[in-house]
Amino acid sequence: MELRHLRYFKAVAELLNFSRAAEQLHVAQPALSRQVQALEEELGARLLDRNRVRVQLTDAGRSFYAHSCKILAQVDMAVATVKEVTEGKGGELIICNDWRIASHFVPATVRAFKARYPRAEVLLRDLRIHEQLAALRAHRAHLGFVVQRELVPHQDLESLFVFKSDLLAVLPSSHPLAGRRSIRLAELADETWVSLDEKESPGFHAYLIQLCRLAGFAPHFGPSTPTIDGVLGRIASGYGVALAPDAALQNRNPLLRFLPTDCAPLEIHAVWHRQEKSVLLQEYLEVLRAQVARDHPLVPPVPPVPPAKPRRQAVAHATMA
């Protein structure tokens, strides 16, 4: 049984006239009759009662007509969906993010993308940075948002800078240095450090150790916790201090102080596999680039100042004049 058998039968069932159905389908009437007869033989049941006067559906024909309509509608929908995906108007876009590094950027761009492509389905997955990289490399996701320094060993990925997040020192409000406007990391060398569990955030844990060593000390770690809120709660309780990206600190506990540091900010990049062919991904990247341009407008370069003529030369010219 082929789809054309269903389409032929549906036309006859709706028009109850072989001649008009053949005209509508642009086929010869004898060929149409043979196709309907072949369908009945395959099903082992008469679908139409026909004579020289009229054509009528049998009980089996009415039942088969109802199912045929559903099948053909599903096929038409599938064809339309494929066309939308090919044209970048529909389909599925899978975006990963570590929502501990929260930012207005991701929700804003997803909202703008959905407004532009309402028939596209955006699936958001909450994954840690190392999990995002694994999903992208296995083509289980289209795009992720990760810290730029994590991308060095992944040459099969492409990236786009989207925003920066300053690294802040988090101190209890009772700390002797809490009244400062900013702080150098080296000034916290003797502190106990509260951090996320290493298995939850292995990249940042290693990065913190690296930053402390560059500042001239090895950090002494206290109790760890699996959540940012857990880190903040322990600091407020006097267990130590922490270093955290500004984008991850959405709830500013009044028992804490958040001080700018001399650490370079983290760069957050949108990342995708360089062999990913999704049209929707390319459309979303256009939305991202537009948002980046609004958040980080380019400053036009200042034209170079022409060099001044040597004073001696000017004097000589004046003398000659």
Protein backbone atom coordinates (compact mmCIF):
# COMPACT_ATOMS: atom_id res chain seq x y z
CA MET A 1 0.00 0.00 0.00
CA GLU A 2 1.32 3.43 -0.96
CA LEU A 3 0.29 6.95 -0.06
CA ARG A 4 -1.07 7.49 -3.56
CA HIS A 5 -3.58 4.70 -2.95
CA LEU A 6 -4.88 6.59 0.07
CA ARG A 7 -5.03 9.88 -1.82
CA TYR A 8 -6.87 8.28 -4.74
CA PHE A 9 -9.38 6.60 -2.47
CA LYS A 10 -9.91 9.79 -0.44
CA ALA A 11 -10.71 11.81 -3.56
CA VAL A 12 -13.26 9.25 -4.77
CA ALA A 13 -14.78 8.92 -1.28
CA GLU A 14 -15.29 12.68 -1.04
CA LEU A 15 -16.59 13.26 -4.57
CA LEU A 16 -18.36 9.89 -4.99
CA ASN A 17 -17.57 10.18 -8.68
CA PHE A 18 -14.64 8.53 -10.44
CA SER A 19 -14.63 10.95 -13.38
CA ARG A 20 -14.47 14.10 -11.21
CA ALA A 21 -11.94 12.46 -8.86
CA ALA A 22 -9.72 11.54 -11.82
CA GLU A 23 -9.95 15.10 -13.11
CA GLN A 24 -9.03 16.51 -9.69
CA LEU A 25 -6.06 14.14 -9.37
CA HIS A 26 -4.94 14.68 -12.97
CA VAL A 27 -4.95 10.96 -13.77
CA ALA A 28 -6.87 8.87 -16.27
CA GLN A 29 -10.13 7.42 -14.95
CA PRO A 30 -9.26 3.78 -15.86
CA ALA A 31 -5.96 4.13 -13.95
CA LEU A 32 -7.81 5.54 -10.94
CA SER A 33 -10.30 2.68 -10.98
CA ARG A 34 -7.48 0.12 -11.11
CA GLN A 35 -5.68 1.72 -8.16
CA VAL A 36 -8.84 1.72 -6.01
CA GLN A 37 -9.56 -1.88 -6.97
CA ALA A 38 -5.98 -2.89 -6.10
CA LEU A 39 -6.42 -1.22 -2.69
CA GLU A 40 -9.63 -3.17 -2.04
CA GLU A 41 -7.93 -6.42 -3.02
CA GLU A 42 -5.05 -5.72 -0.65
CA LEU A 43 -7.45 -4.94 2.22
CA GLY A 44 -9.71 -7.88 1.38
CA ALA A 45 -12.82 -5.69 1.60
CA ARG A 46 -15.00 -3.59 -0.68
CA LEU A 47 -14.69 0.08 0.11
CA LEU A 48 -17.06 1.39 -2.52
CA ASP A 49 -20.33 0.18 -3.98
CA ARG A 50 -20.42 1.43 -7.55
CA ASN A 51 -22.56 1.01 -10.61
CA ARG A 52 -23.41 3.11 -13.64
CA VAL A 53 -25.70 5.36 -11.60
CA ARG A 54 -23.84 6.15 -8.38
CA VAL A 55 -20.90 5.46 -6.07
CA GLN A 56 -21.38 4.88 -2.33
CA LEU A 57 -19.08 4.12 0.59
CA THR A 58 -19.52 0.79 2.33
CA ASP A 59 -19.24 0.54 6.12
CA ALA A 60 -15.64 -0.60 5.67
CA GLY A 61 -15.10 2.30 3.27
CA ARG A 62 -16.37 4.88 5.78
CA SER A 63 -14.07 3.51 8.48
CA PHE A 64 -11.08 3.39 6.14
CA TYR A 65 -11.83 6.93 4.91
CA ALA A 66 -11.67 8.32 8.46
CA HIS A 67 -8.32 6.68 9.10
CA SER A 68 -6.98 7.68 5.69
CA CYS A 69 -7.76 11.35 6.41
CA LYS A 70 -5.81 11.20 9.67
CA ILE A 71 -2.84 9.47 8.04
CA LEU A 72 -2.66 11.93 5.15
CA ALA A 73 -3.02 14.88 7.50
CA GLN A 74 -0.09 13.59 9.55
CA VAL A 75 1.98 13.14 6.40
CA ASP A 76 1.16 16.67 5.24
CA MET A 77 2.12 18.02 8.66
CA ALA A 78 5.40 16.13 8.56
CA VAL A 79 6.20 17.52 5.12
CA ALA A 80 5.36 21.07 6.27
CA THR A 81 7.53 20.63 9.37
CA VAL A 82 10.50 19.47 7.32
CA LYS A 83 10.07 22.49 5.06
CA GLU A 84 9.95 24.83 8.07
CA VAL A 85 13.08 23.27 9.56
CA THR A 86 14.91 23.53 6.24
CA GLU A 87 13.93 27.19 5.93
CA GLY A 88 14.77 27.94 9.57
CA LYS A 89 11.19 28.79 10.54
CA GLY A 90 10.47 25.79 12.74
CA GLY A 91 11.96 22.79 14.41
CA GLU A 92 13.84 22.35 17.65
CA LEU A 93 16.74 24.35 19.09
CA ILE A 94 18.48 22.94 22.19
CA ILE A 95 20.25 25.54 24.33
CA CYS A 96 22.29 24.68 27.44
CA ASN A 97 23.21 26.99 30.28
CA ASP A 98 24.59 26.76 33.78
CA TRP A 99 21.91 28.78 35.57
CA ARG A 100 24.21 29.28 38.55
CA ILE A 101 25.89 31.83 36.28
CA ALA A 102 22.63 33.65 35.78
CA SER A 103 22.34 36.66 33.50
CA HIS A 104 19.66 38.64 31.76
CA PHE A 105 21.45 37.83 28.51
CA VAL A 106 20.25 34.27 27.94
CA PRO A 107 16.54 34.79 28.78
CA ALA A 108 16.47 38.04 26.78
CA THR A 109 17.90 36.45 23.65
CA VAL A 110 15.66 33.37 23.90
CA ARG A 111 12.62 35.63 24.26
CA ALA A 112 13.67 37.70 21.24
CA PHE A 113 14.30 34.56 19.19
CA LYS A 114 10.89 33.06 20.05
CA ALA A 115 9.18 36.33 19.10
CA ARG A 116 10.92 36.23 15.71
CA TYR A 117 10.35 32.48 15.12
CA PRO A 118 7.18 31.53 17.03
CA ARG A 119 6.93 28.09 15.39
CA ALA A 120 10.40 27.07 16.55
CA GLU A 121 10.63 25.14 19.82
CA VAL A 122 13.44 26.16 22.15
CA LEU A 123 14.48 23.52 24.70
CA LEU A 124 16.51 24.84 27.64
CA ARG A 125 18.76 22.40 29.48
CA ASP A 126 20.40 23.16 32.80
CA LEU A 127 23.90 21.67 32.56
CA ARG A 128 27.22 22.32 34.25
CA ILE A 129 29.93 23.72 31.99
CA HIS A 130 31.76 20.41 31.50
CA GLU A 131 28.41 18.71 30.78
CA GLN A 132 27.59 21.35 28.15
CA LEU A 133 30.88 20.78 26.37
CA ALA A 134 30.25 17.03 26.29
CA ALA A 135 26.71 17.54 24.93
CA LEU A 136 27.92 19.91 22.20
CA ARG A 137 30.70 17.58 21.07
CA ALA A 138 28.24 14.65 20.93
CA HIS A 139 25.70 16.78 18.97
CA ARG A 140 23.13 16.38 21.76
CA ALA A 141 22.73 20.15 21.97
CA HIS A 142 23.04 23.05 19.55
CA LEU A 143 24.53 25.76 21.75
CA GLY A 144 25.81 26.39 25.26
CA PHE A 145 27.15 29.23 27.41
CA VAL A 146 30.49 28.57 29.05
CA VAL A 147 33.49 30.37 30.51
CA GLN A 148 36.00 31.19 27.77
CA ARG A 149 39.01 29.63 29.55
CA GLU A 150 37.30 26.20 29.34
CA LEU A 151 37.46 26.27 25.53
CA VAL A 152 41.21 25.98 24.99
CA PRO A 153 41.36 22.16 24.54
CA HIS A 154 38.21 22.02 22.39
CA GLN A 155 39.33 22.87 18.87
CA ASP A 156 36.16 21.41 17.35
CA LEU A 157 34.04 24.16 18.93
CA GLU A 158 33.42 27.74 17.83
CA SER A 159 32.52 30.55 20.19
CA LEU A 160 31.14 34.07 20.41
CA PHE A 161 31.84 36.45 23.28
CA VAL A 162 28.59 37.53 24.94
CA PHE A 163 29.36 39.20 28.28
CA LYS A 164 31.84 39.58 31.13
CA SER A 165 31.33 38.77 34.81
CA ASP A 166 33.51 40.44 37.44
CA LEU A 167 35.00 38.29 40.17
CA LEU A 168 33.95 39.57 43.59
CA ALA A 169 35.31 38.74 47.01
CA VAL A 170 32.49 37.67 49.32
CA LEU A 171 33.08 38.48 53.00
CA PRO A 172 30.89 38.45 56.10
CA SER A 173 29.75 41.98 56.96
CA SER A 174 31.59 41.67 60.28
CA HIS A 175 34.95 41.07 58.57
CA PRO A 176 37.66 43.68 59.32
CA LEU A 177 38.00 44.39 55.57
CA ALA A 178 34.25 44.54 54.91
CA GLY A 179 34.27 48.35 54.87
CA ARG A 180 36.65 48.54 51.93
CA ARG A 181 35.48 49.66 48.49
CA SER A 182 37.68 47.04 46.80
CA ILE A 183 40.28 44.46 47.76
CA ARG A 184 43.33 42.73 46.35
CA LEU A 185 43.25 38.95 46.34
CA ALA A 186 46.62 38.81 48.11
CA GLU A 187 45.03 40.51 51.13
CA LEU A 188 42.93 37.37 51.70
CA ALA A 189 45.91 35.00 51.85
CA ASP A 190 45.29 34.01 55.48
CA GLU A 191 41.55 33.41 55.07
CA THR A 192 39.66 30.13 54.96
CA TRP A 193 38.00 29.69 51.57
CA VAL A 194 34.46 28.37 51.13
CA SER A 195 33.82 26.91 47.69
CA LEU A 196 31.47 24.79 45.64
CA ASP A 197 32.05 21.04 45.72
CA GLU A 198 34.86 20.22 43.33
CA LYS A 199 32.71 17.66 41.50
CA GLU A 200 30.02 20.32 40.99
CA SER A 201 32.37 22.92 39.57
CA PRO A 202 35.80 21.39 38.89
CA GLY A 203 36.85 24.12 36.49
CA PHE A 204 36.22 27.03 38.84
CA HIS A 205 37.76 25.24 41.82
CA ALA A 206 41.00 24.76 39.85
CA TYR A 207 40.81 28.34 38.59
CA LEU A 208 40.52 29.68 42.14
CA ILE A 209 43.66 27.77 43.15
CA GLN A 210 45.46 29.20 40.11
CA LEU A 211 44.42 32.78 40.95
CA CYS A 212 45.52 32.43 44.56
CA ARG A 213 48.91 31.06 43.53
CA LEU A 214 49.39 33.96 41.12
CA ALA A 215 48.60 36.26 44.07
CA GLY A 216 51.36 34.58 46.05
CA PHE A 217 49.61 32.07 48.30
CA ALA A 218 47.96 28.65 48.37
CA PRO A 219 44.33 28.80 49.53
CA HIS A 220 43.20 26.96 52.65
CA PHE A 221 39.78 25.45 51.93
CA GLY A 222 37.08 25.00 54.52
CA PRO A 223 33.80 23.12 54.06
CA SER A 224 32.41 22.96 50.54
CA THR A 225 28.80 22.96 49.39
CA PRO A 226 26.97 22.02 46.15
CA THR A 227 25.15 25.36 45.72
CA ILE A 228 25.93 29.07 45.53
CA ASP A 229 23.32 29.73 48.22
CA GLY A 230 25.14 27.22 50.42
CA VAL A 231 28.41 29.09 49.91
CA LEU A 232 26.80 32.41 50.84
CA GLY A 233 25.11 30.90 53.88
CA ARG A 234 28.38 29.54 55.22
CA ILE A 235 30.16 32.85 54.72
CA ALA A 236 27.36 34.71 56.50
CA SER A 237 27.79 32.22 59.35
CA GLY A 238 31.48 33.05 59.65
CA TYR A 239 33.05 29.99 58.01
CA GLY A 240 35.31 31.98 55.69
CA VAL A 241 35.39 33.98 52.45
CA ALA A 242 34.81 33.19 48.77
CA LEU A 243 35.42 34.41 45.26
CA ALA A 244 32.41 34.35 42.96
CA PRO A 245 31.36 35.73 39.55
CA ASP A 246 29.09 38.74 39.81
CA ALA A 247 26.62 37.04 37.43
CA ALA A 248 26.17 34.18 39.91
CA LEU A 249 25.26 36.46 42.82
CA GLN A 250 21.62 37.28 42.26
CA ASN A 251 20.59 37.38 45.94
CA ARG A 252 22.69 39.88 47.90
CA ASN A 253 22.47 38.82 51.56
CA PRO A 254 22.69 41.90 53.84
CA LEU A 255 24.98 39.89 56.16
CA LEU A 256 27.57 39.79 53.39
CA ARG A 257 29.84 42.25 51.62
CA PHE A 258 30.71 41.93 47.93
CA LEU A 259 33.96 43.68 47.03
CA PRO A 260 35.53 44.18 43.59
CA THR A 261 38.92 42.50 43.27
CA ASP A 262 42.03 42.85 41.14
CA CYS A 263 41.15 39.57 39.35
CA ALA A 264 40.43 39.71 35.64
CA PRO A 265 36.72 39.23 34.86
CA LEU A 266 35.42 35.96 33.46
CA GLU A 267 34.38 36.01 29.80
CA ILE A 268 31.21 34.10 29.00
CA HIS A 269 31.00 32.77 25.46
CA ALA A 270 28.25 31.18 23.41
CA VAL A 271 29.65 27.89 22.09
CA TRP A 272 28.61 25.50 19.32
CA HIS A 273 30.14 22.68 17.29
CA ARG A 274 31.81 23.95 14.14
CA GLN A 275 30.14 21.17 12.08
CA GLU A 276 26.63 21.92 13.35
CA LYS A 277 24.37 22.61 10.33
CA SER A 278 21.18 23.70 12.10
CA VAL A 279 19.54 26.66 10.36
CA LEU A 280 17.83 27.60 13.63
CA LEU A 281 21.22 27.81 15.31
CA GLN A 282 22.40 30.31 12.71
CA GLU A 283 19.24 32.36 13.23
CA TYR A 284 19.75 32.35 17.00
CA LEU A 285 23.38 33.41 16.56
CA GLU A 286 22.12 36.45 14.66
CA VAL A 287 19.97 37.34 17.68
CA LEU A 288 22.99 36.86 19.95
CA ARG A 289 25.21 39.09 17.84
CA ALA A 290 22.57 41.82 17.82
CA GLN A 291 22.29 41.64 21.63
CA VAL A 292 26.08 41.75 22.04
CA ALA A 293 26.24 44.81 19.77
CA ARG A 294 23.64 46.56 21.97
CA ASP A 295 25.37 45.61 25.24
CA HIS A 296 28.91 46.31 24.01
CA PRO A 297 28.75 49.01 21.30
CA LEU A 298 31.97 49.49 19.44
CA VAL A 299 33.75 52.79 20.10
CA PRO A 300 34.86 54.39 16.80
CA PRO A 301 38.63 54.66 16.61
CA VAL A 302 40.17 58.09 17.12
CA PRO A 303 41.94 59.23 13.93
CA PRO A 304 45.70 59.44 14.40
CA VAL A 305 47.17 62.89 15.00
CA PRO A 306 49.68 63.83 12.31
CA PRO A 307 53.18 64.21 13.71
CA ALA A 308 54.36 67.77 14.35
CA LYS A 309 57.19 69.14 12.26
CA PRO A 310 60.55 69.32 14.03
CA ARG A 311 61.11 72.73 15.65
CA ARG A 312 64.58 73.12 14.10
CA GLN A 313 63.14 72.65 10.64
CA ALA A 314 60.50 75.28 11.27
CA VAL A 315 63.12 77.79 12.46
CA ALA A 316 65.24 77.11 9.43
CA HIS A 317 62.29 77.78 7.15
CA ALA A 318 61.58 81.03 8.94
CA THR A 319 65.21 82.12 8.53
CA MET A 320 65.17 81.32 4.85
CA ALA A 321 61.99 83.32 4.43
